[in-house]
């Protein structure tokens, strides 16, 4: 098929040809991708190539430092965003130290 032949086609015929070419290209691309994925799997690199996200460093668990006095089950370690229960308290003028969790060790140290 040459360009002169394309000029003779109607708009409907051109659109049909476009659909056929698009479908053929899509099928060819999927087949090529499957072939490449299989090849990567065989050489053992499929896992590294298909996962583009970075692995996050594992952080040790952090003990909570602050506790909600109205609901003691709500705690915060001091990392990340300030929790919802703490934001209005801080805006109201209270200090972050007002919510500190005092451990038994700290209590003994304060007494001496």
PDB file of N, CA and C in Angstrom:
ATOM      1  N   UNK A   1       0.858  -1.172   0.000  1.00  0.00           N
ATOM      2  CA  UNK A   1       0.000   0.000   0.000  1.00  0.00           C
ATOM      3  C   UNK A   1       0.902   1.233   0.000  1.00  0.00           C
ATOM      4  N   UNK A   2       0.707   2.115  -0.952  1.00  0.00           N
ATOM      5  CA  UNK A   2       1.521   3.330  -1.008  1.00  0.00           C
ATOM      6  C   UNK A   2       0.676   4.554  -0.650  1.00  0.00           C
ATOM      7  N   UNK A   3       1.295   5.697  -0.619  1.00  0.00           N
ATOM      8  CA  UNK A   3       0.624   6.932  -0.193  1.00  0.00           C
ATOM      9  C   UNK A   3      -0.474   7.329  -1.172  1.00  0.00           C
ATOM     10  N   UNK A   4      -0.265   7.113  -2.451  1.00  0.00           N
ATOM     11  CA  UNK A   4      -1.292   7.459  -3.432  1.00  0.00           C
ATOM     12  C   UNK A   4      -2.577   6.666  -3.184  1.00  0.00           C
ATOM     13  N   UNK A   5      -2.435   5.413  -2.770  1.00  0.00           N
ATOM     14  CA  UNK A   5      -3.602   4.585  -2.472  1.00  0.00           C
ATOM     15  C   UNK A   5      -4.347   5.141  -1.253  1.00  0.00           C
ATOM     16  N   UNK A   6      -3.603   5.651  -0.266  1.00  0.00           N
ATOM     17  CA  UNK A   6      -4.235   6.215   0.931  1.00  0.00           C
ATOM     18  C   UNK A   6      -5.053   7.457   0.602  1.00  0.00           C
ATOM     19  N   UNK A   7      -4.585   8.228  -0.363  1.00  0.00           N
ATOM     20  CA  UNK A   7      -5.297   9.446  -0.756  1.00  0.00           C
ATOM     21  C   UNK A   7      -6.647   9.133  -1.388  1.00  0.00           C
ATOM     22  N   UNK A   8      -6.790   7.948  -1.938  1.00  0.00           N
ATOM     23  CA  UNK A   8      -8.036   7.561  -2.596  1.00  0.00           C
ATOM     24  C   UNK A   8      -9.082   7.023  -1.614  1.00  0.00           C
ATOM     25  N   UNK A   9      -8.668   6.697  -0.385  1.00  0.00           N
ATOM     26  CA  UNK A   9      -9.586   6.118   0.594  1.00  0.00           C
ATOM     27  C   UNK A   9     -10.486   7.187   1.206  1.00  0.00           C
ATOM     28  N   UNK A  10     -11.713   6.787   1.544  1.00  0.00           N
ATOM     29  CA  UNK A  10     -12.631   7.714   2.208  1.00  0.00           C
ATOM     30  C   UNK A  10     -12.241   7.835   3.685  1.00  0.00           C
ATOM     31  N   UNK A  11     -12.880   8.757   4.367  1.00  0.00           N
ATOM     32  CA  UNK A  11     -12.593   8.970   5.785  1.00  0.00           C
ATOM     33  C   UNK A  11     -12.938   7.722   6.601  1.00  0.00           C
ATOM     34  N   UNK A  12     -14.039   7.079   6.310  1.00  0.00           N
ATOM     35  CA  UNK A  12     -14.429   5.854   7.019  1.00  0.00           C
ATOM     36  C   UNK A  12     -13.409   4.735   6.800  1.00  0.00           C
ATOM     37  N   UNK A  13     -12.934   4.626   5.549  1.00  0.00           N
ATOM     38  CA  UNK A  13     -11.938   3.592   5.251  1.00  0.00           C
ATOM     39  C   UNK A  13     -10.613   3.884   5.956  1.00  0.00           C
ATOM     40  N   UNK A  14     -10.226   5.166   6.002  1.00  0.00           N
ATOM     41  CA  UNK A  14      -8.996   5.552   6.705  1.00  0.00           C
ATOM     42  C   UNK A  14      -9.115   5.257   8.202  1.00  0.00           C
ATOM     43  N   UNK A  15     -10.280   5.555   8.767  1.00  0.00           N
ATOM     44  CA  UNK A  15     -10.486   5.310  10.200  1.00  0.00           C
ATOM     45  C   UNK A  15     -10.428   3.812  10.514  1.00  0.00           C
ATOM     46  N   UNK A  16     -11.013   3.005   9.632  1.00  0.00           N
ATOM     47  CA  UNK A  16     -10.978   1.550   9.803  1.00  0.00           C
ATOM     48  C   UNK A  16      -9.536   1.048   9.727  1.00  0.00           C
ATOM     49  N   UNK A  17      -8.769   1.598   8.787  1.00  0.00           N
ATOM     50  CA  UNK A  17      -7.361   1.236   8.663  1.00  0.00           C
ATOM     51  C   UNK A  17      -6.578   1.636   9.923  1.00  0.00           C
ATOM     52  N   UNK A  18      -6.899   2.815  10.439  1.00  0.00           N
ATOM     53  CA  UNK A  18      -6.266   3.289  11.679  1.00  0.00           C
ATOM     54  C   UNK A  18      -6.543   2.321  12.822  1.00  0.00           C
ATOM     55  N   UNK A  19      -7.797   1.888  12.963  1.00  0.00           N
ATOM     56  CA  UNK A  19      -8.161   0.942  14.019  1.00  0.00           C
ATOM     57  C   UNK A  19      -7.411  -0.376  13.869  1.00  0.00           C
ATOM     58  N   UNK A  20      -7.293  -0.854  12.643  1.00  0.00           N
ATOM     59  CA  UNK A  20      -6.590  -2.112  12.398  1.00  0.00           C
ATOM     60  C   UNK A  20      -5.111  -2.001  12.750  1.00  0.00           C
ATOM     61  N   UNK A  21      -4.493  -0.888  12.362  1.00  0.00           N
ATOM     62  CA  UNK A  21      -3.067  -0.679  12.645  1.00  0.00           C
ATOM     63  C   UNK A  21      -2.845  -0.562  14.154  1.00  0.00           C
ATOM     64  N   UNK A  22      -3.720   0.178  14.827  1.00  0.00           N
ATOM     65  CA  UNK A  22      -3.604   0.337  16.271  1.00  0.00           C
ATOM     66  C   UNK A  22      -3.733  -1.005  16.992  1.00  0.00           C
ATOM     67  N   UNK A  23      -4.696  -1.805  16.589  1.00  0.00           N
ATOM     68  CA  UNK A  23      -4.890  -3.114  17.210  1.00  0.00           C
ATOM     69  C   UNK A  23      -3.676  -4.007  16.960  1.00  0.00           C
ATOM     70  N   UNK A  24      -3.157  -4.002  15.731  1.00  0.00           N
ATOM     71  CA  UNK A  24      -1.996  -4.831  15.395  1.00  0.00           C
ATOM     72  C   UNK A  24      -0.777  -4.395  16.194  1.00  0.00           C
ATOM     73  N   UNK A  25      -0.556  -3.088  16.308  1.00  0.00           N
ATOM     74  CA  UNK A  25       0.578  -2.584  17.093  1.00  0.00           C
ATOM     75  C   UNK A  25       0.437  -2.953  18.569  1.00  0.00           C
ATOM     76  N   UNK A  26      -0.766  -2.846  19.101  1.00  0.00           N
ATOM     77  CA  UNK A  26      -0.994  -3.211  20.504  1.00  0.00           C
ATOM     78  C   UNK A  26      -0.696  -4.672  20.765  1.00  0.00           C
ATOM     79  N   UNK A  27      -1.174  -5.541  19.861  1.00  0.00           N
ATOM     80  CA  UNK A  27      -0.913  -6.980  19.993  1.00  0.00           C
ATOM     81  C   UNK A  27       0.583  -7.273  19.907  1.00  0.00           C
ATOM     82  N   UNK A  28       1.247  -6.608  18.965  1.00  0.00           N
ATOM     83  CA  UNK A  28       2.684  -6.819  18.787  1.00  0.00           C
ATOM     84  C   UNK A  28       3.456  -6.362  20.021  1.00  0.00           C
ATOM     85  N   UNK A  29       3.075  -5.216  20.588  1.00  0.00           N
ATOM     86  CA  UNK A  29       3.753  -4.710  21.782  1.00  0.00           C
ATOM     87  C   UNK A  29       3.544  -5.642  22.965  1.00  0.00           C
ATOM     88  N   UNK A  30       2.325  -6.159  23.150  1.00  0.00           N
ATOM     89  CA  UNK A  30       2.070  -7.092  24.255  1.00  0.00           C
ATOM     90  C   UNK A  30       2.869  -8.384  24.092  1.00  0.00           C
ATOM     91  N   UNK A  31       2.949  -8.874  22.871  1.00  0.00           N
ATOM     92  CA  UNK A  31       3.717 -10.092  22.620  1.00  0.00           C
ATOM     93  C   UNK A  31       5.203  -9.856  22.888  1.00  0.00           C
ATOM     94  N   UNK A  32       5.710  -8.712  22.474  1.00  0.00           N
ATOM     95  CA  UNK A  32       7.122  -8.390  22.705  1.00  0.00           C
ATOM     96  C   UNK A  32       7.416  -8.220  24.194  1.00  0.00           C
ATOM     97  N   UNK A  33       6.511  -7.580  24.903  1.00  0.00           N
ATOM     98  CA  UNK A  33       6.684  -7.409  26.346  1.00  0.00           C
ATOM     99  C   UNK A  33       6.690  -8.769  27.040  1.00  0.00           C
ATOM    100  N   UNK A  34       5.777  -9.648  26.663  1.00  0.00           N
ATOM    101  CA  UNK A  34       5.736 -10.981  27.256  1.00  0.00           C
ATOM    102  C   UNK A  34       7.024 -11.742  26.953  1.00  0.00           C
ATOM    103  N   UNK A  35       7.536 -11.609  25.748  1.00  0.00           N
ATOM    104  CA  UNK A  35       8.775 -12.280  25.377  1.00  0.00           C
ATOM    105  C   UNK A  35       9.946 -11.758  26.207  1.00  0.00           C
ATOM    106  N   UNK A  36      10.017 -10.436  26.381  1.00  0.00           N
ATOM    107  CA  UNK A  36      11.097  -9.839  27.168  1.00  0.00           C
ATOM    108  C   UNK A  36      10.970 -10.194  28.652  1.00  0.00           C
ATOM    109  N   UNK A  37       9.745 -10.198  29.178  1.00  0.00           N
ATOM    110  CA  UNK A  37       9.543 -10.589  30.576  1.00  0.00           C
ATOM    111  C   UNK A  37       9.991 -12.026  30.819  1.00  0.00           C
ATOM    112  N   UNK A  38       9.672 -12.891  29.888  1.00  0.00           N
ATOM    113  CA  UNK A  38      10.094 -14.293  30.009  1.00  0.00           C
ATOM    114  C   UNK A  38      11.612 -14.402  29.959  1.00  0.00           C
ATOM    115  N   UNK A  39      12.217 -13.636  29.083  1.00  0.00           N
ATOM    116  CA  UNK A  39      13.679 -13.652  28.978  1.00  0.00           C
ATOM    117  C   UNK A  39      14.319 -13.146  30.268  1.00  0.00           C
ATOM    118  N   UNK A  40      13.787 -12.070  30.818  1.00  0.00           N
ATOM    119  CA  UNK A  40      14.304 -11.551  32.090  1.00  0.00           C
ATOM    120  C   UNK A  40      14.109 -12.560  33.213  1.00  0.00           C
ATOM    121  N   UNK A  41      12.960 -13.210  33.233  1.00  0.00           N
ATOM    122  CA  UNK A  41      12.702 -14.206  34.282  1.00  0.00           C
ATOM    123  C   UNK A  41      13.709 -15.339  34.202  1.00  0.00           C
ATOM    124  N   UNK A  42      14.033 -15.753  32.972  1.00  0.00           N
ATOM    125  CA  UNK A  42      14.985 -16.851  32.794  1.00  0.00           C
ATOM    126  C   UNK A  42      16.376 -16.479  33.278  1.00  0.00           C
ATOM    127  N   UNK A  43      16.774 -15.243  33.107  1.00  0.00           N
ATOM    128  CA  UNK A  43      18.115 -14.861  33.558  1.00  0.00           C
ATOM    129  C   UNK A  43      18.111 -14.345  34.993  1.00  0.00           C
ATOM    130  N   UNK A  44      16.948 -14.332  35.643  1.00  0.00           N
ATOM    131  CA  UNK A  44      16.874 -14.007  37.061  1.00  0.00           C
ATOM    132  C   UNK A  44      16.850 -12.536  37.401  1.00  0.00           C
ATOM    133  N   UNK A  45      16.510 -11.692  36.469  1.00  0.00           N
ATOM    134  CA  UNK A  45      16.499 -10.260  36.741  1.00  0.00           C
ATOM    135  C   UNK A  45      15.099  -9.676  36.756  1.00  0.00           C
ATOM    136  N   UNK A  46      14.109 -10.483  36.610  1.00  0.00           N
ATOM    137  CA  UNK A  46      12.746  -9.960  36.508  1.00  0.00           C
ATOM    138  C   UNK A  46      12.362  -9.202  37.761  1.00  0.00           C
ATOM    139  N   UNK A  47      12.766  -9.687  38.919  1.00  0.00           N
ATOM    140  CA  UNK A  47      12.378  -9.048  40.177  1.00  0.00           C
ATOM    141  C   UNK A  47      12.968  -7.645  40.289  1.00  0.00           C
ATOM    142  N   UNK A  48      14.244  -7.490  39.930  1.00  0.00           N
ATOM    143  CA  UNK A  48      14.884  -6.179  40.045  1.00  0.00           C
ATOM    144  C   UNK A  48      14.345  -5.184  39.034  1.00  0.00           C
ATOM    145  N   UNK A  49      14.034  -5.655  37.836  1.00  0.00           N
ATOM    146  CA  UNK A  49      13.604  -4.749  36.775  1.00  0.00           C
ATOM    147  C   UNK A  49      12.155  -4.335  36.941  1.00  0.00           C
ATOM    148  N   UNK A  50      11.298  -5.251  37.385  1.00  0.00           N
ATOM    149  CA  UNK A  50       9.883  -4.928  37.450  1.00  0.00           C
ATOM    150  C   UNK A  50       9.526  -4.107  38.683  1.00  0.00           C
ATOM    151  N   UNK A  51      10.373  -4.093  39.706  1.00  0.00           N
ATOM    152  CA  UNK A  51      10.073  -3.309  40.910  1.00  0.00           C
ATOM    153  C   UNK A  51      10.885  -2.028  40.871  1.00  0.00           C
ATOM    154  N   UNK A  52      10.214  -0.923  40.605  1.00  0.00           N
ATOM    155  CA  UNK A  52      10.907   0.342  40.496  1.00  0.00           C
ATOM    156  C   UNK A  52      10.917   1.118  41.811  1.00  0.00           C
ATOM    157  N   UNK A  53      10.080   0.721  42.777  1.00  0.00           N
ATOM    158  CA  UNK A  53      10.053   1.467  44.021  1.00  0.00           C
ATOM    159  C   UNK A  53      11.274   1.126  44.861  1.00  0.00           C
ATOM    160  N   UNK A  54      11.742   2.099  45.613  1.00  0.00           N
ATOM    161  CA  UNK A  54      12.879   1.889  46.496  1.00  0.00           C
ATOM    162  C   UNK A  54      12.443   1.178  47.750  1.00  0.00           C
ATOM    163  N   UNK A  55      13.289   0.323  48.251  1.00  0.00           N
ATOM    164  CA  UNK A  55      12.985  -0.316  49.514  1.00  0.00           C
ATOM    165  C   UNK A  55      13.292   0.669  50.623  1.00  0.00           C
ATOM    166  N   UNK A  56      12.363   0.773  51.557  1.00  0.00           N
ATOM    167  CA  UNK A  56      12.552   1.677  52.682  1.00  0.00           C
ATOM    168  C   UNK A  56      13.375   1.010  53.750  1.00  0.00           C
ATOM    169  N   UNK A  57      14.166   1.806  54.415  1.00  0.00           N
ATOM    170  CA  UNK A  57      14.954   1.310  55.521  1.00  0.00           C
ATOM    171  C   UNK A  57      14.024   0.943  56.662  1.00  0.00           C
ATOM    172  N   UNK A  58      14.279  -0.180  57.301  1.00  0.00           N
ATOM    173  CA  UNK A  58      13.459  -0.614  58.425  1.00  0.00           C
ATOM    174  C   UNK A  58      13.892   0.145  59.671  1.00  0.00           C
ATOM    175  N   UNK A  59      12.963   0.823  60.300  1.00  0.00           N
ATOM    176  CA  UNK A  59      13.249   1.556  61.518  1.00  0.00           C
ATOM    177  C   UNK A  59      12.769   0.748  62.710  1.00  0.00           C
ATOM    178  N   UNK A  60      13.504   0.831  63.798  1.00  0.00           N
ATOM    179  CA  UNK A  60      13.044   0.104  64.995  1.00  0.00           C
ATOM    180  C   UNK A  60      11.794   0.773  65.551  1.00  0.00           C
ATOM    181  N   UNK A  61      10.953   0.019  66.247  1.00  0.00           N
ATOM    182  CA  UNK A  61       9.767   0.623  66.837  1.00  0.00           C
ATOM    183  C   UNK A  61      10.172   1.675  67.880  1.00  0.00           C
ATOM    184  N   UNK A  62       9.389   2.732  67.942  1.00  0.00           N
ATOM    185  CA  UNK A  62       9.682   3.825  68.852  1.00  0.00           C
ATOM    186  C   UNK A  62       8.600   3.873  69.922  1.00  0.00           C
ATOM    187  N   UNK A  63       9.004   4.009  71.153  1.00  0.00           N
ATOM    188  CA  UNK A  63       8.036   4.092  72.243  1.00  0.00           C
ATOM    189  C   UNK A  63       7.330   5.443  72.206  1.00  0.00           C
ATOM    190  N   UNK A  64       6.093   5.475  72.631  1.00  0.00           N
ATOM    191  CA  UNK A  64       5.380   6.758  72.648  1.00  0.00           C
ATOM    192  C   UNK A  64       5.942   7.683  73.717  1.00  0.00           C
ATOM    193  N   UNK A  65       5.965   8.978  73.410  1.00  0.00           N
ATOM    194  CA  UNK A  65       6.456   9.974  74.358  1.00  0.00           C
ATOM    195  C   UNK A  65       5.323  10.837  74.910  1.00  0.00           C
ATOM    196  N   UNK A  66       4.216  10.912  74.173  1.00  0.00           N
ATOM    197  CA  UNK A  66       3.127  11.794  74.560  1.00  0.00           C
ATOM    198  C   UNK A  66       1.822  11.008  74.625  1.00  0.00           C
ATOM    199  N   UNK A  67       0.944  11.380  75.566  1.00  0.00           N
ATOM    200  CA  UNK A  67      -0.323  10.677  75.750  1.00  0.00           C
ATOM    201  C   UNK A  67      -1.450  11.695  75.855  1.00  0.00           C
ATOM    202  N   UNK A  68      -2.596  11.340  75.280  1.00  0.00           N
ATOM    203  CA  UNK A  68      -3.789  12.167  75.365  1.00  0.00           C
ATOM    204  C   UNK A  68      -4.395  11.959  76.754  1.00  0.00           C
ATOM    205  N   UNK A  69      -4.500  13.014  77.564  1.00  0.00           N
ATOM    206  CA  UNK A  69      -5.044  12.842  78.917  1.00  0.00           C
ATOM    207  C   UNK A  69      -6.526  12.453  78.916  1.00  0.00           C
ATOM    208  N   UNK A  70      -7.253  12.821  77.883  1.00  0.00           N
ATOM    209  CA  UNK A  70      -8.677  12.483  77.818  1.00  0.00           C
ATOM    210  C   UNK A  70      -8.897  11.045  77.370  1.00  0.00           C
ATOM    211  N   UNK A  71      -7.971  10.509  76.591  1.00  0.00           N
ATOM    212  CA  UNK A  71      -8.074   9.129  76.118  1.00  0.00           C
ATOM    213  C   UNK A  71      -6.668   8.524  76.154  1.00  0.00           C
ATOM    214  N   UNK A  72      -6.302   7.847  77.236  1.00  0.00           N
ATOM    215  CA  UNK A  72      -4.934   7.349  77.399  1.00  0.00           C
ATOM    216  C   UNK A  72      -4.486   6.339  76.341  1.00  0.00           C
ATOM    217  N   UNK A  73      -5.408   5.801  75.560  1.00  0.00           N
ATOM    218  CA  UNK A  73      -4.993   4.869  74.507  1.00  0.00           C
ATOM    219  C   UNK A  73      -4.392   5.601  73.310  1.00  0.00           C
ATOM    220  N   UNK A  74      -4.612   6.900  73.216  1.00  0.00           N
ATOM    221  CA  UNK A  74      -4.058   7.681  72.110  1.00  0.00           C
ATOM    222  C   UNK A  74      -2.694   8.221  72.529  1.00  0.00           C
ATOM    223  N   UNK A  75      -1.668   7.757  71.809  1.00  0.00           N
ATOM    224  CA  UNK A  75      -0.303   8.183  72.109  1.00  0.00           C
ATOM    225  C   UNK A  75       0.374   8.647  70.833  1.00  0.00           C
ATOM    226  N   UNK A  76       1.538   9.271  71.002  1.00  0.00           N
ATOM    227  CA  UNK A  76       2.320   9.758  69.867  1.00  0.00           C
ATOM    228  C   UNK A  76       3.789   9.655  70.223  1.00  0.00           C
ATOM    229  N   UNK A  77       4.604   9.220  69.284  1.00  0.00           N
ATOM    230  CA  UNK A  77       6.032   9.045  69.543  1.00  0.00           C
ATOM    231  C   UNK A  77       6.816  10.336  69.369  1.00  0.00           C
ATOM    232  N   UNK A  78       6.212  11.345  68.785  1.00  0.00           N
ATOM    233  CA  UNK A  78       6.926  12.583  68.522  1.00  0.00           C
ATOM    234  C   UNK A  78       7.468  12.630  67.107  1.00  0.00           C
ATOM    235  N   UNK A  79       7.250  11.578  66.350  1.00  0.00           N
ATOM    236  CA  UNK A  79       7.693  11.525  64.959  1.00  0.00           C
ATOM    237  C   UNK A  79       6.496  11.682  64.027  1.00  0.00           C
ATOM    238  N   UNK A  80       6.747  12.245  62.870  1.00  0.00           N
ATOM    239  CA  UNK A  80       5.682  12.379  61.879  1.00  0.00           C
ATOM    240  C   UNK A  80       4.749  13.529  62.211  1.00  0.00           C
ATOM    241  N   UNK A  81       3.567  13.478  61.625  1.00  0.00           N
ATOM    242  CA  UNK A  81       2.581  14.549  61.822  1.00  0.00           C
ATOM    243  C   UNK A  81       2.058  14.555  63.245  1.00  0.00           C
ATOM    244  N   UNK A  82       1.714  15.745  63.675  1.00  0.00           N
ATOM    245  CA  UNK A  82       1.115  15.893  65.001  1.00  0.00           C
ATOM    246  C   UNK A  82      -0.293  15.301  64.946  1.00  0.00           C
ATOM    247  N   UNK A  83      -0.657  14.432  65.904  1.00  0.00           N
ATOM    248  CA  UNK A  83      -1.972  13.791  65.853  1.00  0.00           C
ATOM    249  C   UNK A  83      -3.114  14.781  66.044  1.00  0.00           C
ATOM    250  N   UNK A  84      -4.302  14.364  65.597  1.00  0.00           N
ATOM    251  CA  UNK A  84      -5.489  15.236  65.657  1.00  0.00           C
ATOM    252  C   UNK A  84      -5.835  15.658  67.071  1.00  0.00           C
ATOM    253  N   UNK A  85      -5.655  14.776  68.013  1.00  0.00           N
ATOM    254  CA  UNK A  85      -6.037  15.117  69.383  1.00  0.00           C
ATOM    255  C   UNK A  85      -5.091  16.144  69.997  1.00  0.00           C
ATOM    256  N   UNK A  86      -3.881  16.283  69.474  1.00  0.00           N
ATOM    257  CA  UNK A  86      -2.896  17.184  70.054  1.00  0.00           C
ATOM    258  C   UNK A  86      -2.922  18.583  69.439  1.00  0.00           C
ATOM    259  N   UNK A  87      -3.282  18.682  68.174  1.00  0.00           N
ATOM    260  CA  UNK A  87      -3.263  19.984  67.487  1.00  0.00           C
ATOM    261  C   UNK A  87      -4.100  21.049  68.193  1.00  0.00           C
ATOM    262  N   UNK A  88      -5.383  20.784  68.529  1.00  0.00           N
ATOM    263  CA  UNK A  88      -6.156  21.846  69.183  1.00  0.00           C
ATOM    264  C   UNK A  88      -5.619  22.198  70.568  1.00  0.00           C
ATOM    265  N   UNK A  89      -5.037  21.229  71.243  1.00  0.00           N
ATOM    266  CA  UNK A  89      -4.471  21.498  72.570  1.00  0.00           C
ATOM    267  C   UNK A  89      -3.295  22.478  72.452  1.00  0.00           C
ATOM    268  N   UNK A  90      -2.450  22.266  71.470  1.00  0.00           N
ATOM    269  CA  UNK A  90      -1.293  23.141  71.286  1.00  0.00           C
ATOM    270  C   UNK A  90      -1.727  24.533  70.831  1.00  0.00           C
ATOM    271  N   UNK A  91      -2.748  24.580  69.966  1.00  0.00           N
ATOM    272  CA  UNK A  91      -3.262  25.886  69.534  1.00  0.00           C
ATOM    273  C   UNK A  91      -3.903  26.638  70.689  1.00  0.00           C
ATOM    274  N   UNK A  92      -4.427  25.895  71.645  1.00  0.00           N
ATOM    275  CA  UNK A  92      -5.073  26.505  72.805  1.00  0.00           C
ATOM    276  C   UNK A  92      -4.094  27.036  73.839  1.00  0.00           C
ATOM    277  N   UNK A  93      -2.806  26.840  73.611  1.00  0.00           N
ATOM    278  CA  UNK A  93      -1.818  27.413  74.509  1.00  0.00           C
ATOM    279  C   UNK A  93      -1.084  26.408  75.386  1.00  0.00           C
ATOM    280  N   UNK A  94      -1.489  25.162  75.341  1.00  0.00           N
ATOM    281  CA  UNK A  94      -0.784  24.166  76.150  1.00  0.00           C
ATOM    282  C   UNK A  94       0.548  23.833  75.505  1.00  0.00           C
ATOM    283  N   UNK A  95       1.476  23.383  76.303  1.00  0.00           N
ATOM    284  CA  UNK A  95       2.818  23.032  75.827  1.00  0.00           C
ATOM    285  C   UNK A  95       2.891  21.534  75.563  1.00  0.00           C
ATOM    286  N   UNK A  96       3.802  21.153  74.700  1.00  0.00           N
ATOM    287  CA  UNK A  96       4.001  19.747  74.372  1.00  0.00           C
ATOM    288  C   UNK A  96       4.442  18.965  75.613  1.00  0.00           C
ATOM    289  N   UNK A  97       5.191  19.604  76.489  1.00  0.00           N
ATOM    290  CA  UNK A  97       5.641  18.945  77.717  1.00  0.00           C
ATOM    291  C   UNK A  97       4.487  18.549  78.629  1.00  0.00           C
ATOM    292  N   UNK A  98       3.340  19.205  78.477  1.00  0.00           N
ATOM    293  CA  UNK A  98       2.174  18.862  79.302  1.00  0.00           C
ATOM    294  C   UNK A  98       1.659  17.449  78.999  1.00  0.00           C
ATOM    295  N   UNK A  99       2.030  16.893  77.870  1.00  0.00           N
ATOM    296  CA  UNK A  99       1.517  15.602  77.441  1.00  0.00           C
ATOM    297  C   UNK A  99       2.564  14.492  77.533  1.00  0.00           C
ATOM    298  N   UNK A 100       3.737  14.803  78.083  1.00  0.00           N
ATOM    299  CA  UNK A 100       4.801  13.802  78.199  1.00  0.00           C
ATOM    300  C   UNK A 100       4.358  12.628  79.041  1.00  0.00           C
ATOM    301  N   UNK A 101       4.783  11.439  78.653  1.00  0.00           N
ATOM    302  CA  UNK A 101       4.547  10.233  79.435  1.00  0.00           C
ATOM    303  C   UNK A 101       5.745  10.085  80.353  1.00  0.00           C
ATOM    304  N   UNK A 102       5.494  10.068  81.633  1.00  0.00           N
ATOM    305  CA  UNK A 102       6.576   9.946  82.603  1.00  0.00           C
ATOM    306  C   UNK A 102       6.715   8.472  82.962  1.00  0.00           C
ATOM    307  N   UNK A 103       7.911   7.926  82.706  1.00  0.00           N
ATOM    308  CA  UNK A 103       8.144   6.518  83.024  1.00  0.00           C
ATOM    309  C   UNK A 103       8.525   6.382  84.495  1.00  0.00           C
ATOM    310  N   UNK A 104       8.509   5.156  85.004  1.00  0.00           N
ATOM    311  CA  UNK A 104       8.876   4.899  86.402  1.00  0.00           C
ATOM    312  C   UNK A 104      10.319   5.302  86.649  1.00  0.00           C
ATOM    313  N   UNK A 105      11.190   5.079  85.680  1.00  0.00           N
ATOM    314  CA  UNK A 105      12.594   5.461  85.801  1.00  0.00           C
ATOM    315  C   UNK A 105      12.731   6.953  85.953  1.00  0.00           C
ATOM    316  N   UNK A 106      11.989   7.731  85.133  1.00  0.00           N
ATOM    317  CA  UNK A 106      12.045   9.182  85.212  1.00  0.00           C
ATOM    318  C   UNK A 106      11.519   9.694  86.541  1.00  0.00           C
ATOM    319  N   UNK A 107      10.491   9.045  87.077  1.00  0.00           N
ATOM    320  CA  UNK A 107       9.931   9.461  88.373  1.00  0.00           C
ATOM    321  C   UNK A 107      10.955   9.286  89.480  1.00  0.00           C
ATOM    322  N   UNK A 108      11.664   8.161  89.471  1.00  0.00           N
ATOM    323  CA  UNK A 108      12.702   7.920  90.473  1.00  0.00           C
ATOM    324  C   UNK A 108      13.811   8.942  90.348  1.00  0.00           C
ATOM    325  N   UNK A 109      14.191   9.267  89.123  1.00  0.00           N
ATOM    326  CA  UNK A 109      15.276  10.214  88.888  1.00  0.00           C
ATOM    327  C   UNK A 109      14.885  11.614  89.367  1.00  0.00           C
ATOM    328  N   UNK A 110      13.615  11.981  89.223  1.00  0.00           N
ATOM    329  CA  UNK A 110      13.162  13.295  89.660  1.00  0.00           C
ATOM    330  C   UNK A 110      13.155  13.404  91.185  1.00  0.00           C
ATOM    331  N   UNK A 111      12.907  12.300  91.857  1.00  0.00           N
ATOM    332  CA  UNK A 111      12.862  12.316  93.324  1.00  0.00           C
ATOM    333  C   UNK A 111      14.241  12.479  93.950  1.00  0.00           C
ATOM    334  N   UNK A 112      15.286  12.050  93.275  1.00  0.00           N
ATOM    335  CA  UNK A 112      16.624  12.145  93.848  1.00  0.00           C
ATOM    336  C   UNK A 112      17.319  13.410  93.467  1.00  0.00           C
TER     337      UNK A 112
END
